Protein backbone atom coordinates (compact mmCIF):
# COMPACT_ATOMS: atom_id res chain seq x y z
CA MET A 1 246.90 -127.82 -121.86
CA LEU A 2 248.46 -125.26 -119.54
CA GLU A 3 249.71 -123.18 -122.50
CA GLN A 4 246.22 -123.11 -124.00
CA ILE A 5 244.69 -122.03 -120.69
CA LEU A 6 247.23 -119.22 -120.30
CA ARG A 7 246.73 -118.14 -123.91
CA ASP A 8 242.94 -118.01 -123.65
CA MET A 9 242.87 -117.11 -119.94
CA TYR A 10 240.00 -119.53 -119.62
CA ILE A 11 239.51 -123.03 -118.15
CA ASP A 12 236.54 -125.28 -118.64
CA PRO A 13 234.47 -125.59 -115.43
CA GLU A 14 234.32 -129.41 -115.71
CA LEU A 15 238.10 -129.57 -115.96
CA LEU A 16 238.44 -127.22 -113.01
CA GLU A 17 236.32 -129.60 -110.90
CA LEU A 18 238.82 -132.41 -111.51
CA LEU A 19 241.69 -130.43 -109.95
CA ASP A 20 242.47 -130.54 -106.24
CA GLU A 21 242.99 -127.41 -104.16
CA THR A 22 246.79 -127.35 -104.63
CA GLN A 23 246.48 -127.60 -108.40
CA LYS A 24 243.83 -124.89 -108.41
CA GLN A 25 246.09 -122.54 -106.42
CA THR A 26 249.01 -123.24 -108.75
CA LEU A 27 246.85 -122.60 -111.82
CA TYR A 28 245.59 -119.35 -110.31
CA CYS A 29 249.17 -118.13 -109.69
CA LYS A 30 250.19 -118.98 -113.25
CA MET A 31 247.24 -117.10 -114.71
CA ARG A 32 247.95 -114.12 -112.48
CA GLU A 33 251.62 -114.07 -113.60
CA GLU A 34 250.50 -114.15 -117.24
CA GLN A 35 248.18 -111.18 -116.62
CA VAL A 36 251.03 -109.18 -115.05
CA ARG A 37 253.35 -110.07 -117.94
CA ARG A 38 250.83 -108.92 -120.51
CA TRP A 39 250.22 -105.66 -118.65
CA LYS A 40 253.96 -104.89 -118.47
CA SER A 41 254.38 -105.66 -122.17
CA TRP A 42 251.48 -103.37 -123.05
CA ASN A 43 252.85 -100.63 -120.77
CA ASP A 44 256.30 -100.85 -122.37
CA LYS A 45 254.79 -100.43 -125.83
CA LEU A 46 253.01 -97.31 -124.71
CA GLY A 47 256.21 -95.95 -123.22
CA ASP A 48 258.03 -96.20 -126.55
CA GLN A 49 255.44 -94.04 -128.34
CA PRO A 50 256.03 -90.27 -128.32
CA ALA A 51 253.68 -88.33 -126.12
CA LYS A 52 250.96 -86.47 -127.97
CA PRO A 53 251.38 -82.73 -127.80
CA LYS A 54 248.79 -80.93 -125.78
CA VAL A 55 246.40 -78.97 -127.89
CA THR A 56 245.70 -75.57 -126.45
CA LYS A 57 242.38 -74.16 -127.43
CA LYS A 58 242.43 -70.65 -128.67
CA ARG A 59 240.21 -68.37 -126.72
CA LYS A 60 237.78 -66.32 -128.68
CA ASN A 61 237.92 -62.67 -127.94
CA VAL A 62 235.15 -60.22 -128.67
CA SER A 63 235.95 -56.60 -129.23
CA PHE A 64 233.37 -53.85 -129.24
CA MET A 65 233.41 -50.61 -131.14
CA LYS A 66 234.02 -47.64 -128.91
CA GLY A 67 232.12 -44.42 -128.98
CA VAL A 68 233.39 -40.88 -128.44
CA ASP A 69 233.04 -41.34 -124.68
CA GLY A 70 235.16 -44.50 -124.76
CA GLU A 71 232.22 -46.74 -123.91
CA PRO A 72 230.95 -49.56 -126.21
CA TRP A 73 229.05 -48.04 -129.15
CA VAL A 74 225.34 -48.92 -129.14
CA TRP A 75 222.72 -48.27 -131.78
CA VAL A 76 219.06 -48.47 -130.84
CA MET A 77 216.75 -48.84 -133.81
CA GLY A 78 214.25 -46.01 -134.07
CA GLU A 79 216.09 -43.45 -131.96
CA HIS A 80 218.09 -41.89 -134.83
CA GLU A 81 216.36 -39.24 -136.91
CA ASN A 82 217.11 -41.14 -140.13
CA ASP A 83 215.78 -44.46 -138.84
CA LYS A 84 212.61 -45.75 -140.41
CA SER A 85 209.56 -46.43 -138.32
CA ILE A 86 208.27 -49.97 -137.93
CA GLU A 87 205.27 -49.08 -140.11
CA GLU A 88 207.57 -47.95 -142.92
CA ILE A 89 209.69 -51.07 -142.64
CA LEU A 90 206.64 -53.34 -142.74
CA ARG A 91 205.22 -51.49 -145.75
CA GLU A 92 208.50 -51.81 -147.65
CA GLU A 93 208.60 -55.53 -146.89
CA ALA A 94 205.01 -55.93 -148.07
CA LEU A 95 205.79 -53.94 -151.23
CA GLU A 96 208.82 -56.13 -151.99
CA LYS A 97 206.78 -59.28 -151.44
CA ALA A 98 204.02 -57.97 -153.74
CA ARG A 99 206.60 -57.06 -156.41
CA GLN A 100 208.09 -60.58 -156.31
CA MET A 101 204.64 -62.14 -156.67
CA ALA A 102 203.83 -59.80 -159.58
CA GLU A 103 207.10 -60.72 -161.32
CA ILE A 104 206.28 -64.41 -161.04
CA GLU A 105 202.82 -63.84 -162.53
CA THR A 106 204.32 -61.71 -165.34
CA LYS A 107 206.81 -64.45 -166.20
CA GLU A 108 203.98 -66.96 -166.41
CA LEU A 109 202.07 -64.61 -168.68
CA ARG A 110 205.15 -64.13 -170.88
CA LYS A 111 205.47 -67.89 -171.27
CA LYS A 112 201.85 -68.00 -172.43
CA VAL A 113 202.50 -65.21 -174.94
CA GLU A 114 205.59 -67.01 -176.26
CA ALA A 115 203.53 -70.16 -176.66
CA MET A 116 201.16 -68.22 -178.92
CA GLU A 117 203.88 -67.97 -181.62
CA CYS A 118 202.81 -71.31 -182.94
CA ILE A 119 199.29 -70.04 -183.66
CA SER A 120 200.20 -68.15 -186.85
CA PRO A 121 202.46 -69.67 -189.55
CA LYS A 122 203.70 -66.21 -190.38
CA ILE A 123 205.57 -66.03 -187.07
CA THR A 124 208.00 -68.80 -188.05
CA ASN A 125 209.42 -66.59 -190.84
CA LEU A 126 210.21 -63.71 -188.49
CA GLU A 127 213.94 -63.78 -187.81
CA GLU A 128 214.45 -60.29 -186.44
CA ASP A 129 211.85 -60.64 -183.62
CA ILE A 130 211.37 -63.32 -181.01
CA TYR A 131 207.71 -62.37 -180.47
CA CYS A 132 204.86 -62.20 -182.91
CA SER A 133 203.52 -58.87 -184.16
CA ILE A 134 200.95 -56.87 -182.21
CA ASP A 135 198.19 -57.49 -184.74
CA GLU A 136 198.85 -61.23 -184.64
CA LEU A 137 198.92 -61.15 -180.83
CA ARG A 138 195.59 -59.26 -180.82
CA ASN A 139 194.02 -61.75 -183.21
CA SER A 140 195.43 -64.64 -181.23
CA MET A 141 194.09 -63.27 -177.95
CA ASN A 142 190.62 -62.95 -179.52
CA SER A 143 190.66 -66.41 -181.11
CA SER A 144 188.68 -69.26 -179.66
CA ALA A 145 191.84 -71.33 -179.22
CA ASN A 146 193.04 -68.93 -176.57
CA ASN A 147 189.76 -68.37 -174.71
CA SER A 148 190.88 -70.31 -171.63
CA TYR A 149 194.03 -68.22 -171.37
CA GLN A 150 192.06 -64.97 -171.77
CA ASN A 151 189.69 -66.08 -168.99
CA LYS A 152 192.65 -66.74 -166.71
CA VAL A 153 193.99 -63.24 -167.40
CA ASN A 154 190.62 -61.72 -166.59
CA ARG A 155 190.27 -63.81 -163.41
CA HIS A 156 193.56 -62.50 -162.08
CA ASN A 157 192.59 -58.87 -162.74
CA PHE A 158 195.48 -58.28 -165.14
CA VAL A 159 195.76 -54.93 -166.87
CA ASN A 160 193.42 -54.39 -169.83
CA THR A 161 195.17 -56.14 -172.72
CA LYS A 162 193.61 -54.03 -175.47
CA GLU A 163 194.72 -50.77 -173.87
CA VAL A 164 198.26 -52.10 -173.44
CA LEU A 165 198.40 -53.25 -177.05
CA GLN A 166 197.13 -49.86 -178.27
CA ASP A 167 199.90 -48.20 -176.20
CA ILE A 168 202.52 -50.46 -177.74
CA ASN A 169 201.23 -49.84 -181.30
CA ARG A 170 202.09 -46.16 -181.02
CA LYS A 171 205.82 -46.94 -180.69
CA PRO A 172 207.70 -48.12 -183.77
CA SER A 173 210.02 -50.43 -181.82
CA LYS A 174 210.56 -54.10 -182.25
CA VAL A 175 208.07 -56.62 -180.92
CA SER A 176 210.44 -57.86 -178.21
CA SER A 177 210.89 -54.29 -176.94
CA ARG A 178 207.15 -53.66 -176.94
CA VAL A 179 206.46 -56.87 -175.03
CA ALA A 180 209.15 -55.89 -172.48
CA GLN A 181 207.32 -52.59 -171.96
CA TRP A 182 204.10 -54.52 -171.56
CA GLU A 183 205.73 -56.71 -168.90
CA ILE A 184 206.98 -53.68 -166.94
CA LYS A 185 203.59 -52.00 -166.91
CA LEU A 186 201.87 -55.26 -166.05
CA THR A 187 204.29 -55.87 -163.17
CA GLU A 188 203.65 -52.41 -161.74
CA THR A 189 199.89 -52.81 -162.01
CA ARG A 190 199.88 -56.27 -160.42
CA THR A 191 202.23 -55.08 -157.66
CA SER A 192 199.79 -52.31 -156.75
CA GLU A 193 196.83 -54.70 -156.82
CA ILE A 194 198.57 -57.36 -154.74
CA LEU A 195 199.72 -54.74 -152.20
CA LYS A 196 196.17 -53.44 -151.82
CA THR A 197 194.91 -56.99 -151.35
CA MET A 198 197.54 -57.64 -148.68
CA GLU A 199 196.69 -54.39 -146.89
CA LYS A 200 192.98 -55.25 -146.86
CA LYS A 201 193.81 -58.71 -145.54
CA ASN A 202 195.99 -57.23 -142.78
CA GLU A 203 193.25 -54.76 -141.87
CA LYS A 204 190.75 -57.59 -141.63
CA ILE A 205 193.14 -59.61 -139.46
CA ALA A 206 193.67 -56.57 -137.21
CA GLU A 207 189.92 -56.04 -136.86
CA GLU A 208 189.38 -59.70 -136.03
CA ALA A 209 192.21 -59.58 -133.48
CA GLU A 210 190.75 -56.43 -131.90
CA LEU A 211 187.30 -58.03 -131.74
CA ALA A 212 188.76 -61.20 -130.23
CA ALA A 213 190.68 -59.14 -127.67
CA LYS A 214 187.50 -57.24 -126.79
CA LYS A 215 185.55 -60.47 -126.32
CA HIS A 216 188.40 -61.93 -124.29
CA ASN A 217 188.46 -58.82 -122.10
CA GLU A 218 184.70 -58.98 -121.56
CA LEU A 219 184.95 -62.66 -120.70
CA TRP A 220 187.80 -61.93 -118.30
CA LEU A 221 185.81 -59.17 -116.58
CA GLU A 222 182.82 -61.50 -116.27
CA GLN A 223 185.00 -64.25 -114.81
CA GLU A 224 186.58 -61.75 -112.41
CA LYS A 225 183.13 -60.62 -111.29
CA LYS A 226 182.04 -64.23 -110.73
CA ALA A 227 185.25 -64.92 -108.84
CA LYS A 228 184.62 -61.95 -106.53
CA VAL A 229 181.05 -63.12 -105.89
CA ALA A 230 182.29 -66.65 -105.20
CA GLU A 231 184.98 -65.31 -102.87
CA GLN A 232 182.41 -63.26 -101.01
CA GLN A 233 180.18 -66.32 -100.69
CA ILE A 234 183.09 -68.40 -99.39
CA ARG A 235 183.87 -65.72 -96.81
CA GLU A 236 180.24 -65.59 -95.74
CA ILE A 237 180.12 -69.38 -95.44
CA ALA A 238 183.33 -69.33 -93.40
CA ARG A 239 181.91 -66.60 -91.16
CA ARG A 240 178.73 -68.56 -90.61
CA ALA A 241 180.73 -71.70 -89.90
CA ARG A 242 182.78 -69.85 -87.28
CA GLU A 243 179.61 -68.46 -85.72
CA GLU A 244 177.96 -71.88 -85.67
CA HIS A 245 181.07 -73.44 -84.17
CA ARG A 246 181.27 -70.76 -81.54
CA LEU A 247 177.59 -71.15 -80.77
CA SER A 248 177.88 -74.92 -80.52
CA THR A 249 180.85 -74.70 -78.15
CA ALA A 250 179.59 -71.79 -76.08
CA LEU A 251 179.31 -72.80 -72.44
CA ASP A 252 178.66 -69.49 -70.72
CA ILE A 253 177.62 -65.91 -71.41
CA ASP A 254 180.14 -63.16 -71.80
CA ALA A 255 181.85 -62.23 -68.58
CA ASN A 256 181.59 -58.52 -69.32
CA TYR A 257 179.20 -58.08 -66.42
CA SER A 258 179.06 -59.77 -63.05
CA ILE A 259 175.93 -61.17 -61.50
CA VAL A 260 174.40 -58.63 -59.13
CA ASN A 261 171.50 -60.56 -57.69
CA SER A 262 172.45 -63.23 -55.22
CA GLY A 263 171.79 -66.77 -56.27
CA VAL A 264 171.20 -68.36 -59.66
CA PRO A 265 167.82 -69.56 -60.97
CA PRO A 266 167.64 -73.32 -60.44
CA GLY A 267 166.06 -73.91 -63.86
CA LYS A 268 163.79 -72.77 -66.64
CA GLN A 269 160.61 -73.49 -64.78
CA ALA A 270 161.75 -71.35 -61.87
CA VAL A 271 162.41 -68.46 -64.29
CA VAL A 272 158.94 -68.86 -65.82
CA GLU A 273 157.28 -68.88 -62.41
CA TRP A 274 159.30 -65.83 -61.32
CA TYR A 275 158.22 -63.89 -64.43
CA LYS A 276 154.54 -64.81 -64.01
CA LYS A 277 154.54 -63.98 -60.31
CA TYR A 278 156.54 -60.74 -60.29
CA GLU A 279 157.53 -59.38 -63.69
CA LYS A 280 154.27 -59.77 -65.58
CA ALA A 281 152.53 -57.59 -63.03
CA ARG A 282 155.23 -54.93 -63.62
CA MET A 283 154.46 -55.05 -67.36
CA ALA A 284 158.00 -56.18 -68.14
CA GLY A 285 158.17 -56.89 -71.89
CA LEU A 286 154.55 -55.71 -72.35
CA ASP A 287 153.00 -52.55 -73.69
CA SER A 288 150.29 -50.49 -72.00
CA ASP A 289 147.59 -52.77 -73.46
CA GLY A 290 149.23 -55.87 -72.06
CA ASN A 291 150.51 -57.11 -75.42
CA LEU A 292 154.03 -58.34 -76.00
CA GLN A 293 156.61 -55.80 -77.08
CA ASN A 294 158.06 -56.53 -80.53
CA TRP A 295 161.54 -56.79 -79.00
CA PHE A 296 160.63 -59.24 -76.22
CA HIS A 297 161.28 -62.93 -77.03
CA GLY A 298 160.64 -64.52 -73.66
CA LEU A 299 162.74 -67.40 -72.40
CA ILE A 300 165.20 -68.37 -75.12
CA THR A 301 168.84 -69.36 -74.79
CA ARG A 302 171.84 -67.27 -75.78
CA THR A 303 172.53 -69.68 -78.66
CA GLU A 304 168.99 -69.38 -79.98
CA ALA A 305 169.20 -65.58 -79.77
CA GLU A 306 172.43 -65.48 -81.77
CA LYS A 307 170.95 -67.72 -84.46
CA LEU A 308 168.03 -65.30 -84.81
CA LEU A 309 170.40 -62.32 -85.06
CA LEU A 310 172.92 -63.98 -87.39
CA ASP A 311 171.28 -62.83 -90.66
CA GLN A 312 170.02 -59.50 -89.33
CA PRO A 313 171.58 -56.08 -90.03
CA HIS A 314 173.80 -54.33 -87.53
CA GLY A 315 171.88 -52.71 -84.69
CA THR A 316 169.21 -55.42 -84.49
CA PHE A 317 168.44 -56.54 -80.93
CA LEU A 318 166.09 -58.60 -78.79
CA VAL A 319 165.34 -58.90 -75.08
CA ARG A 320 165.11 -62.30 -73.44
CA LEU A 321 164.76 -63.80 -69.99
CA SER A 322 168.06 -64.96 -68.54
CA GLU A 323 168.66 -68.38 -67.01
CA ARG A 324 171.82 -67.20 -65.27
CA VAL A 325 170.43 -64.31 -63.24
CA TRP A 326 167.08 -63.13 -62.00
CA GLY A 327 166.59 -60.68 -64.80
CA TYR A 328 166.98 -60.15 -68.53
CA ALA A 329 169.57 -59.98 -71.28
CA ILE A 330 169.81 -57.76 -74.36
CA SER A 331 171.25 -59.66 -77.32
CA TYR A 332 172.66 -57.20 -79.86
CA ARG A 333 173.92 -57.76 -83.45
CA ALA A 334 177.18 -55.83 -83.62
CA LYS A 335 179.38 -55.51 -86.73
CA GLU A 336 181.71 -58.39 -85.92
CA LYS A 337 179.72 -60.53 -83.49
CA CYS A 338 176.70 -60.71 -81.22
CA LYS A 339 176.96 -58.99 -77.83
CA HIS A 340 174.95 -59.64 -74.68
CA TYR A 341 174.14 -57.19 -71.88
CA LEU A 342 172.70 -58.45 -68.59
CA ILE A 343 169.87 -56.50 -66.91
CA ASN A 344 169.33 -56.85 -63.20
CA ALA A 345 165.64 -56.90 -62.23
CA SER A 346 165.26 -55.85 -58.60
CA GLN A 347 163.16 -52.95 -57.38
CA LYS A 348 164.30 -51.08 -60.47
CA TYR A 349 165.95 -52.14 -63.72
CA LYS A 350 169.61 -51.48 -64.46
CA PHE A 351 172.54 -52.96 -66.30
CA ALA A 352 174.89 -55.08 -64.25
CA GLN A 353 177.68 -52.98 -62.73
CA SER A 354 175.78 -49.79 -63.62
CA THR A 355 174.32 -47.19 -61.26
CA LEU A 356 171.77 -45.80 -63.73
CA GLU A 357 168.33 -47.22 -62.86
CA TYR A 358 164.98 -47.26 -64.69
CA ASN A 359 161.47 -47.73 -63.34
CA THR A 360 160.43 -50.16 -66.04
CA LEU A 361 162.13 -52.48 -68.50
CA GLY A 362 160.45 -50.57 -71.33
CA ASP A 363 162.02 -47.30 -70.15
CA LEU A 364 165.48 -48.89 -70.21
CA ILE A 365 165.00 -50.16 -73.74
CA SER A 366 163.43 -46.92 -75.05
CA ASN A 367 166.25 -44.82 -73.63
CA HIS A 368 168.89 -46.75 -75.55
CA PHE A 369 167.23 -46.12 -78.87
CA ASN A 370 168.85 -42.69 -78.49
CA GLN A 371 171.64 -43.26 -75.96
CA PRO A 372 174.37 -45.77 -76.81
CA LEU A 373 175.01 -48.84 -74.73
CA THR A 374 178.24 -49.28 -72.81
CA GLY A 375 179.81 -50.70 -76.00
CA GLY A 376 178.87 -47.55 -77.95
CA GLU A 377 176.02 -49.17 -79.95
CA LYS A 378 172.45 -47.94 -80.18
CA LEU A 379 169.37 -50.13 -80.33
CA LEU A 380 168.05 -49.74 -83.90
CA HIS A 381 165.84 -52.61 -85.07
CA PRO A 382 163.85 -55.14 -83.02
CA CYS A 383 164.58 -58.68 -84.17
CA PRO A 384 161.60 -60.44 -85.81
CA ARG A 385 160.03 -62.91 -83.43
CA ILE A 386 159.35 -66.54 -84.31
CA SER A 387 156.67 -68.79 -82.83
CA ASN A 388 157.71 -69.71 -79.31
CA THR A 389 155.67 -72.04 -77.14
CA ALA A 390 157.64 -70.94 -74.09
CA LEU A 391 156.57 -67.36 -74.78
CA ASP A 392 152.94 -68.49 -74.99
CA ASP A 393 153.35 -70.15 -71.59
CA LEU A 394 154.50 -66.85 -70.13
CA MET A 395 151.27 -65.18 -71.23
CA LYS A 396 149.04 -67.80 -69.69
CA VAL A 397 147.49 -66.85 -66.36
């Protein structure tokens, strides 16, 4: 049993369960010794064999031709005066292809002519020629039995058979020689015809390619134009979004000017009462007839003013009552953003932190149609006014 286990190096699991621990250890040692013995025996066998010689791979060397200057010689196609142009090379290739096609067609025609020998019994008695006579060939070509073949010749635009046969009749050579001459002339004619057909086909392909390229270019230009329009729209949307975000998060007016008048209006109603009591009598925001000036928008917030100016051209402005000071504010549509200029309304009208004073609000506004503001901008276009109930309240007595 032990010899079988060592020979197979395997023990049945059920038999292994019947052994105690000592027997299992002994069996393990025996199997291990057998493994070592086999390995040594295998190693000794390998040691007796002669070592295989190492095969050294031959390196491939590349040598280049040297020029007069000692550098590798280089030939660039088309630079030498004897080199053919690409047009000449392509034409030669087309001519060779046409010639091969013509030769194939001529061989097929020759087979048809050879098959016509069986038409006339007289041909079987001709030993000196392998082809029938010209008269017999002419009669055979005109016979009804060969109508299908004649139609095929005509369909392929082969050279005029009658003219060729008349040419051959003038030479007193053998029939085989005359047919060979016929084949040569036919090959040349078909080569010319096939080459012309190929050139027309190439011209048509070139025209179609040029037309397709033109259409593709027009489509590309149209797509580029649409892409530019879309990009401009995206930029405008982004600009509007930034403006809206800034307007929604705006908490205070620009700190470009400090408040001159002492105190801050306690609320909108106080501003309305102040305008009715003092400013309306001074014709602030009114013309000589007591009508509203087209640039005066009454009591609106800074955010509302910027929304009105957002879509207006540069230079558009409006004048509004301020809730931050006892006075007014000019909201101006500049190139990049909306600007706001505070106007102090005391005995006279002037910009905050400015010494230049005006008798009326209208004089201040009219002057800056010609003279630039402190930011360098001129008042150009009054902003269109929308319906404003607060403005109607200002006009009520």
